[in-house]
Amino acid sequence: MSASTFVLPTIDPIAISIGPLDIRWYGLMYLVGFLFAFWMANKQCQRSHGLWNEEQASDLLFYGFMGVIFGGRIGYVLFYQFPRFIEDPVYIFKIWQGGMSFHGGLLGVFCAVIYYAFKNKRSILSVGDFIMPLLPVGLGAGRIGNFINAELWGRVTDFPLGVIFPNAGPLPRHASQLYEFALEGVLLFIILTLFIRRPRPVGAVTGLFLACYGSFRIIVEFAREPDAQLGFLSFGLTMGQMLSIPMLISGVILICYVYKKAGKNKHQSKKG
């Protein structure tokens, strides 16, 4: 063990107790992400020149939050615990045992976006562009929750800043949760916040989110310990990488498509 190795102490998973109510760290991180998303959504409404108002944003966030919760749980069970689900279908409802999947949560958000768009007769891509910049802070907060809970740790490393996690053995590991916080939370937030202030075609923000998150997750998975029940999959990839590759590809395709379409429309308008 090097002098710079950090030993993470065992932290009580319950952050706050109010009478019989116990608020866990992960739930608290969800709350932080939702409150920040609500605040940022109101800011985006003010810059939308009347295209969005706070009531519309609140409705969209509610649907999105439900999508995260239900999609995250269903995705975790189907992507990471499918054999267990086959043996015990009721397991999908045992949320107190833990288990949420980002990719499932994102699919839940997309379902919410599609539902909201059809209900309010809006473009799916325009609704996606509105909600995508609200996600990185919640993602980052969730990774902090993972770190506090000493879960989803990284692979064994001799990296000077390795961390020894409770229940992960005596060897230092990558703090992959903090890597994801830095990339999926902080960096992605900065990229999207700067991008939405520039003129861009509808759908570009959604495409950029997919491409960036997919890239960042693929990179971090090389430092993250694969899920014990799955291990490495085809070509030595993890489940997180297998689910992120389609995100990266679809994000790049969407960006190319919307910019090509915008350029074509601009050219036709000049000819007209």
Protein backbone atom coordinates (compact mmCIF):
# COMPACT_ATOMS: atom_id res chain seq x y z
CA MET A 1 0.00 0.00 0.00
CA SER A 2 1.43 3.39 -1.01
CA ALA A 3 1.40 6.39 1.28
CA SER A 4 -1.15 8.10 -0.96
CA THR A 5 -3.65 5.22 -0.87
CA PHE A 6 -6.95 6.35 0.64
CA VAL A 7 -8.90 3.94 2.81
CA LEU A 8 -12.59 4.73 2.49
CA PRO A 9 -14.25 4.34 5.89
CA THR A 10 -17.52 2.50 6.22
CA ILE A 11 -20.17 5.21 5.96
CA ASP A 12 -23.69 4.77 7.26
CA PRO A 13 -25.91 4.44 4.16
CA ILE A 14 -28.55 6.50 5.95
CA ALA A 15 -27.76 10.19 5.56
CA ILE A 16 -30.63 11.67 7.57
CA SER A 17 -33.17 10.18 9.97
CA ILE A 18 -36.36 12.10 10.70
CA GLY A 19 -38.43 10.06 13.12
CA PRO A 20 -39.27 6.77 11.39
CA LEU A 21 -38.15 8.18 8.01
CA ASP A 22 -34.65 7.25 6.86
CA ILE A 23 -33.20 9.16 3.92
CA ARG A 24 -30.33 7.26 2.31
CA TRP A 25 -27.38 8.88 0.58
CA TYR A 26 -28.40 7.64 -2.85
CA GLY A 27 -31.92 8.98 -2.42
CA LEU A 28 -30.48 12.28 -1.24
CA MET A 29 -28.35 12.45 -4.39
CA TYR A 30 -31.46 11.86 -6.50
CA LEU A 31 -33.11 14.76 -4.70
CA VAL A 32 -30.11 17.03 -5.35
CA GLY A 33 -30.16 16.14 -9.03
CA PHE A 34 -33.89 16.74 -9.35
CA LEU A 35 -33.81 20.10 -7.55
CA PHE A 36 -30.93 21.32 -9.70
CA ALA A 37 -32.70 20.10 -12.84
CA PHE A 38 -35.82 22.03 -11.79
CA TRP A 39 -33.77 25.19 -11.23
CA MET A 40 -31.91 24.86 -14.51
CA ALA A 41 -35.14 24.10 -16.40
CA ASN A 42 -36.59 27.41 -15.21
CA LYS A 43 -33.45 29.16 -16.45
CA GLN A 44 -33.85 27.50 -19.84
CA CYS A 45 -37.49 28.63 -19.95
CA GLN A 46 -36.36 32.24 -19.51
CA ARG A 47 -33.98 31.88 -22.48
CA SER A 48 -36.48 30.07 -24.70
CA HIS A 49 -38.20 33.27 -25.98
CA GLY A 50 -41.62 31.96 -25.00
CA LEU A 51 -41.22 28.42 -26.38
CA TRP A 52 -41.26 26.96 -22.86
CA ASN A 53 -42.81 28.07 -19.59
CA GLU A 54 -42.26 26.83 -16.03
CA GLU A 55 -45.49 24.80 -15.93
CA GLN A 56 -44.54 22.92 -19.10
CA ALA A 57 -41.03 22.32 -17.76
CA SER A 58 -42.42 21.02 -14.45
CA ASP A 59 -44.67 18.55 -16.26
CA LEU A 60 -41.78 17.32 -18.40
CA LEU A 61 -39.51 16.94 -15.37
CA PHE A 62 -42.16 14.94 -13.52
CA TYR A 63 -42.51 12.52 -16.43
CA GLY A 64 -38.73 12.40 -16.77
CA PHE A 65 -38.25 11.64 -13.07
CA MET A 66 -40.77 8.81 -13.26
CA GLY A 67 -38.92 7.53 -16.32
CA VAL A 68 -35.62 7.54 -14.42
CA ILE A 69 -37.07 5.61 -11.47
CA PHE A 70 -39.05 2.97 -13.35
CA GLY A 71 -36.68 2.71 -16.31
CA GLY A 72 -33.65 2.57 -14.04
CA ARG A 73 -35.06 -0.32 -12.03
CA ILE A 74 -36.44 -2.27 -14.98
CA GLY A 75 -33.22 -1.75 -16.91
CA TYR A 76 -31.07 -2.97 -14.02
CA VAL A 77 -33.10 -6.13 -13.62
CA LEU A 78 -33.22 -6.93 -17.35
CA PHE A 79 -29.63 -5.92 -18.21
CA TYR A 80 -27.80 -7.07 -15.08
CA GLN A 81 -30.02 -9.53 -13.18
CA PHE A 82 -32.07 -11.27 -15.86
CA PRO A 83 -31.44 -14.87 -14.64
CA ARG A 84 -32.50 -13.81 -11.16
CA PHE A 85 -35.61 -12.17 -12.60
CA ILE A 86 -36.52 -15.40 -14.44
CA GLU A 87 -36.20 -17.34 -11.19
CA ASP A 88 -38.06 -14.72 -9.14
CA PRO A 89 -40.14 -12.24 -11.21
CA VAL A 90 -41.16 -10.44 -8.01
CA TYR A 91 -37.51 -9.37 -7.64
CA ILE A 92 -38.18 -6.46 -9.98
CA PHE A 93 -40.31 -4.89 -7.23
CA LYS A 94 -37.73 -5.42 -4.45
CA ILE A 95 -36.22 -1.97 -4.81
CA TRP A 96 -35.03 -2.00 -1.18
CA GLN A 97 -32.40 -4.53 -2.27
CA GLY A 98 -30.84 -1.87 -4.50
CA GLY A 99 -30.07 -1.84 -8.19
CA MET A 100 -30.56 0.95 -10.75
CA SER A 101 -29.25 1.18 -14.30
CA PHE A 102 -28.38 4.46 -16.01
CA HIS A 103 -29.11 3.03 -19.45
CA GLY A 104 -32.50 1.82 -18.28
CA GLY A 105 -33.15 5.21 -16.70
CA LEU A 106 -32.24 6.92 -19.98
CA LEU A 107 -34.64 4.70 -21.90
CA GLY A 108 -37.25 5.67 -19.33
CA VAL A 109 -36.49 9.34 -19.95
CA PHE A 110 -36.84 8.83 -23.71
CA CYS A 111 -40.23 7.18 -23.14
CA ALA A 112 -41.22 10.21 -21.07
CA VAL A 113 -39.98 12.55 -23.80
CA ILE A 114 -41.98 10.71 -26.47
CA TYR A 115 -45.11 10.69 -24.30
CA TYR A 116 -44.78 14.39 -23.50
CA ALA A 117 -44.10 15.29 -27.14
CA PHE A 118 -47.16 13.46 -28.44
CA LYS A 119 -49.38 14.71 -25.63
CA ASN A 120 -48.38 18.34 -26.24
CA LYS A 121 -47.87 18.09 -30.01
CA ARG A 122 -44.19 18.99 -29.86
CA SER A 123 -41.21 17.66 -31.78
CA ILE A 124 -39.60 14.72 -29.98
CA LEU A 125 -36.12 16.08 -30.71
CA SER A 126 -36.99 19.55 -29.42
CA VAL A 127 -38.25 18.06 -26.15
CA GLY A 128 -35.12 15.92 -25.96
CA ASP A 129 -32.95 18.99 -26.51
CA PHE A 130 -34.66 20.70 -23.58
CA ILE A 131 -34.22 17.88 -21.07
CA MET A 132 -30.78 16.51 -21.93
CA PRO A 133 -28.78 19.42 -20.42
CA LEU A 134 -30.63 18.82 -17.15
CA LEU A 135 -29.29 15.29 -16.71
CA PRO A 136 -25.51 15.60 -16.04
CA VAL A 137 -25.83 17.06 -12.53
CA GLY A 138 -28.10 14.20 -11.53
CA LEU A 139 -25.65 11.73 -13.07
CA GLY A 140 -22.77 13.29 -11.17
CA ALA A 141 -24.69 13.35 -7.90
CA GLY A 142 -25.56 9.69 -8.36
CA ARG A 143 -21.88 8.79 -8.77
CA ILE A 144 -21.07 10.59 -5.54
CA GLY A 145 -23.75 8.45 -3.94
CA ASN A 146 -22.08 5.34 -5.37
CA PHE A 147 -18.76 6.43 -3.88
CA ILE A 148 -20.23 7.11 -0.44
CA ASN A 149 -21.98 3.73 -0.52
CA ALA A 150 -18.67 2.06 -1.55
CA GLU A 151 -20.33 0.37 -4.54
CA LEU A 152 -19.52 0.01 -8.25
CA TRP A 153 -15.83 0.38 -7.44
CA GLY A 154 -12.96 0.23 -9.91
CA ARG A 155 -10.45 -2.45 -10.81
CA VAL A 156 -7.37 -3.15 -8.75
CA THR A 157 -4.62 -0.64 -9.50
CA ASP A 158 -1.17 0.55 -8.50
CA PHE A 159 -2.24 4.08 -9.40
CA PRO A 160 -0.95 6.44 -6.66
CA LEU A 161 -4.47 7.67 -5.88
CA GLY A 162 -6.02 4.25 -5.46
CA VAL A 163 -8.78 3.71 -2.90
CA ILE A 164 -9.36 0.75 -0.62
CA PHE A 165 -13.11 0.21 -0.45
CA PRO A 166 -14.95 -1.62 2.35
CA ASN A 167 -15.91 -5.17 1.27
CA ALA A 168 -13.73 -4.93 -1.86
CA GLY A 169 -10.63 -6.60 -0.47
CA PRO A 170 -7.32 -5.20 0.79
CA LEU A 171 -5.99 -3.95 -2.54
CA PRO A 172 -6.37 -0.35 -3.77
CA ARG A 173 -8.77 0.20 -6.64
CA HIS A 174 -9.60 2.93 -9.12
CA ALA A 175 -12.17 5.37 -7.74
CA SER A 176 -14.15 4.88 -10.94
CA GLN A 177 -17.22 6.49 -9.37
CA LEU A 178 -15.28 9.76 -9.11
CA TYR A 179 -14.00 9.38 -12.67
CA GLU A 180 -17.61 9.10 -13.81
CA PHE A 181 -18.57 12.07 -11.65
CA ALA A 182 -15.87 14.14 -13.37
CA LEU A 183 -16.73 13.04 -16.91
CA GLU A 184 -20.46 12.24 -16.93
CA GLY A 185 -21.29 14.94 -14.40
CA VAL A 186 -18.94 17.92 -14.49
CA LEU A 187 -17.45 17.76 -18.01
CA LEU A 188 -20.69 16.76 -19.72
CA PHE A 189 -22.52 19.55 -17.90
CA ILE A 190 -19.96 22.12 -19.09
CA ILE A 191 -20.07 20.84 -22.69
CA LEU A 192 -23.87 20.93 -22.92
CA THR A 193 -24.22 24.25 -21.07
CA LEU A 194 -21.83 25.94 -23.49
CA PHE A 195 -23.36 24.22 -26.52
CA ILE A 196 -26.97 25.24 -25.83
CA ARG A 197 -25.90 28.90 -25.87
CA ARG A 198 -24.91 28.63 -29.53
CA PRO A 199 -27.18 28.44 -32.58
CA ARG A 200 -27.73 24.79 -33.51
CA PRO A 201 -30.28 22.64 -35.33
CA VAL A 202 -33.02 20.82 -33.44
CA GLY A 203 -31.76 17.46 -32.24
CA ALA A 204 -28.10 18.49 -31.97
CA VAL A 205 -28.19 18.71 -28.17
CA THR A 206 -29.72 15.24 -27.89
CA GLY A 207 -27.13 13.84 -30.27
CA LEU A 208 -24.28 15.50 -28.41
CA PHE A 209 -25.48 14.11 -25.09
CA LEU A 210 -25.67 10.58 -26.47
CA ALA A 211 -22.26 10.78 -28.14
CA CYS A 212 -20.50 12.32 -25.14
CA TYR A 213 -22.04 10.09 -22.49
CA GLY A 214 -21.46 6.99 -24.59
CA SER A 215 -17.79 7.96 -25.07
CA PHE A 216 -17.20 8.83 -21.42
CA ARG A 217 -18.86 5.65 -20.13
CA ILE A 218 -16.91 3.43 -22.53
CA ILE A 219 -13.64 5.02 -21.36
CA VAL A 220 -14.39 4.78 -17.63
CA GLU A 221 -15.50 1.17 -17.90
CA PHE A 222 -11.86 0.24 -18.60
CA ALA A 223 -11.15 1.28 -14.99
CA ARG A 224 -14.37 -0.06 -13.47
CA GLU A 225 -14.77 -3.57 -12.09
CA PRO A 226 -17.26 -5.55 -14.19
CA ASP A 227 -20.43 -6.68 -12.45
CA ALA A 228 -19.61 -9.90 -10.59
CA GLN A 229 -22.62 -11.79 -11.95
CA LEU A 230 -21.75 -10.89 -15.56
CA GLY A 231 -17.99 -10.43 -15.79
CA PHE A 232 -16.59 -9.60 -19.20
CA LEU A 233 -18.78 -10.14 -22.25
CA SER A 234 -17.92 -10.41 -25.96
CA PHE A 235 -14.51 -9.04 -27.00
CA GLY A 236 -13.63 -8.42 -23.36
CA LEU A 237 -16.19 -5.63 -23.04
CA THR A 238 -18.39 -4.96 -20.01
CA MET A 239 -22.15 -4.64 -20.06
CA GLY A 240 -21.78 -0.88 -19.53
CA GLN A 241 -19.65 -0.66 -22.68
CA MET A 242 -21.99 -2.88 -24.70
CA LEU A 243 -24.91 -0.60 -23.79
CA SER A 244 -22.91 2.60 -24.40
CA ILE A 245 -21.62 1.75 -27.89
CA PRO A 246 -25.12 2.10 -29.47
CA MET A 247 -25.46 5.43 -27.63
CA LEU A 248 -22.23 6.73 -29.12
CA ILE A 249 -23.10 5.56 -32.63
CA SER A 250 -26.67 6.88 -32.55
CA GLY A 251 -25.46 10.20 -31.14
CA VAL A 252 -22.92 10.68 -33.94
CA ILE A 253 -25.49 9.68 -36.59
CA LEU A 254 -28.07 12.09 -35.14
CA ILE A 255 -25.58 14.98 -35.08
CA CYS A 256 -24.55 14.35 -38.69
CA TYR A 257 -28.19 14.05 -39.77
CA VAL A 258 -29.50 17.25 -38.16
CA TYR A 259 -26.56 19.35 -39.35
CA LYS A 260 -26.81 17.94 -42.87
CA LYS A 261 -30.56 18.62 -42.89
CA ALA A 262 -30.02 22.15 -41.57
CA GLY A 263 -27.37 22.82 -44.23
CA LYS A 264 -29.64 21.51 -46.96
CA ASN A 265 -32.56 23.66 -45.79
CA LYS A 266 -30.31 26.72 -45.62
CA HIS A 267 -29.06 26.09 -49.13
CA GLN A 268 -32.61 25.69 -50.48
CA SER A 269 -33.76 28.88 -48.75
CA LYS A 270 -30.92 30.81 -50.40
CA LYS A 271 -31.84 29.40 -53.81
CA GLY A 272 -35.47 30.28 -53.23
